[in-house]
Amino acid sequence: MTEKICGYLREQNRAVDVFDLADALDLPIEDVSAALNELLAQGRVFLSKKGKYAAPETLGLIPARAVVTRGGVPYARPLDGSPDMKISRSGELRAMHGDTVLVRPERAGGSAESRLCELAAVTQRAAEKLVAVLKMGKRFVERKPVLVRRGRERRLVRQPPEEIEYLSAQPCDLHVACGVEVTGDTLGAGVGDTVVLRVVDWPRRHVPLKAEVIRVLGRGLDIGIQMDALVETHGLPVAFPAEALSEAAALPDAVSPADIAGRFDARGVDLFTIDGDDAQDFDDAVSLEKTARGWRLGVHIADVSHYVAWGGAIDREALRRGTSVYLPGRTLPMLPEKLCNNLCSLMPDVDRLAMSLFLELEDGRVTDSRLENSVIHSRARLTYAEVNKLFAGEENDVPEALRPILFDMDAQARLLRERRHARGSIDFDMPEPELTLDADGYPVDVQARVRGEAERLIEDFMLAANEAVAVMAKSCQLPFLYRVHEKPDPDRLESLSLFLTNMNHPVRIGREPHPRQLQALLEETAALPEAAVIKHQLLRSLKRACYMAEPLGHFGLAARDYCHFTSPIRRYPDLTAHRMLKLLLAGGLSEAQKWEARMQELAAQSSEREFEAASAERDADDLMKCHYMHGREGEEFDGVVSGVHSWGYFVELPNTVEGLVRVRDLDDYYEFDEARQRLVGERTHREIRLGDRVHVLLARVDTAACEIDFMPL
């Protein structure tokens, strides 16, 4: 229905009221109203002041997500992946970080600063709750003028404004840049307490956001309260609904003979899991067998769909969550614990239900594939650390019987990787933080995570499996959720070319490069000091991958078709893929076709939840890094300039910690050269550029604001 409505509005090229729309489409007005509300939330329709609906593109409007910097500067990030624009005008409207908005482009340019747009509408607020610390605020209120009489002369004398105090709040989310006025009962909370607020009135020009206290988290901002605040800020569900827990409790504790009936019996196959030391849910196992023409790779994925009924309480909650969220010291799973850590987890020495994909390999090429509903029996639970020791020739705990298989797997993974890179797959391999926490949840160490051959082996196998499944789904015209990474925007590529030229790496990328060209660029610059910065800028030039119902390919992997199939315990799109594939295996293609209309809706929901989860994980890592640096003020560090702005430049340390050097702390007045991404000293002519190696002193750490300041040395 939503697609019908969008199509009709585009054809009309004008605004239409809900009654005319229902009549034209011959649909119940209640259904049309519900669909319009859904489309408004997605930014796919526009509601005029007269209460009429129109397709945004017919009015020159672009659906976007509002991105507010910590300095309070609002940008619009178009939902179609095109370049960000700075919101220069908004009238009475005020967009909050993460809101879905409609903007009208006003000026083009080569950077987000120079691309301007006007905020036309806020179609959906990102959150109606925020976490903040209560404080007293002050504001000035105009007083009535006083009538003064002097003889016969009378005149009104303006009085100075009166300063009054009111209960305010400092949001923990620094992207909330507006003032906050707290109204109503505070539930016993006082100044200095951290509380959860519900918005009762959104901010407008010169009018603060108004909110009421709905929960008190605690006094001050220790790490536990800050993590609770972060979870609330991002709207992450914690406790499962009682109905979902009851549904999970009713599930069996083990695989039964009835479950196994009719399944391919893979319990005789030598398969095992390889995961991190702290992993709790094991949703993939691997096997490898020699064949007459090559090798048979088995990728065995937990059959979550067998236990989670579509539309049931567990399924509804899984869709709402969309993904598991992995925060330092805390996991918010997509599924109840009985499923993710027990019944669906491919633990060793127990029978488990799976979907087994067998890939025939010849010299790194997948020549054939076969998918089975299976029952498996994992031989071992291996860790990346121990397998990496095996590959490095070091003492390890890998069972002797599995060692030859692992060396064969390593060889096949390398061949798959070589084939993938030869076709142009881009290997970013960005550094990620590895955090070590103490018993109280505070970080005691932060290092850049080192990926070994074991991690790459599993990645190569999962990539091959996901691609093979996508090819299978497309060839059968199966309604499906594809993982899509569209071609980059030409304007962003031009900006990247200019950046590379200014970094003394003049490369003409062109407006429609093959991904192989970008991978070649990374290889050419890999040994340079600024390699990480170039990699980061290249990544920013590409569109964000998302889920779609249409197979538009994956630019970064240079794959014609791609999907997510290998992690149904922690990703809803994978669970959806399993359900569709099961219908296909059962010969129910016509039954599967009934779900086609829902695929784009599921894709949008899954992309939205993935974005929020990634944002929360990133913010949690930043918070931990800030606490790790707290108390180390005065220490000196070597780092690389990772970002340049008019207000200063960011420095990234080898352990991934990033801090700001403010222009006010520099030895000269520095002009910001936006085109070349550099600061230039007015007297000294000194240049500070992306990729420069610098030596800095840790000057300030604010754990409440999550800010780290360096001083140049």
Foldseek 3Di string as FASTA:
>chain_A
DLVVLLVVQVVVLDWAALVVSCVVVVHDSVVSVVSVLVCLQVVQWDQDPVGTIHGQVSVQKFKFFWAADLVGFIWTQGPVQAAIATEPEEAFDDAAHGFTFIWHWDADDLHNDRTYIHTDGGSGHQDQKFKWAKDKDKDWDFDFWDWDDDPPDIDTHGDGTDIDIAIWTGTLPSSGPFTEGEDDDQVPDDGQWMFMWGFPAPGTVVRTTYTYGDGTQGGHCDPVSSLVNLCVRLVADADADPQQVVLLVPDDQADDPVNAPPFAEAAVFAKAFEEAPPDQFAFWIWGWDADPQGIKIKIWGFQVCVRDDVPGSLNVQLLLLQFWFDFQVDIRWSGPCSCRRGQRGQAAAGKGWTWMKIFDDHQLDGPDIDITGYIYHHHHHHYQVQLLCLVVVHDHDPDPVCSVRSVVLLVNLVSNVVVLLVLQAADLPAWDWDFDADPVGATQDIATDDDGSSNSSVVSVQQVVQLVLQVVCVVLVFQAKFWEWDFFAQSLVVLLQLQCVLVVNRDDQDSGHQSSVVNVVLVVCVPPLLSNLNSVSVVVRGGDIFIARDQPAYRNSSGSTGHRQRCVRTGVRNSVSSVRVVCVVVVNRVVRVVCNVCRRVSRVSSRSSVVSSVVSNVVSVLLSLLSNCPPVAFDKAKFFFNAADQQFTWTAGNSRHIATEGCVLDPARWDQDPSNRWTAGPPVRDIRHGSDMFMWGFHDGDSSNSHTYTHGD
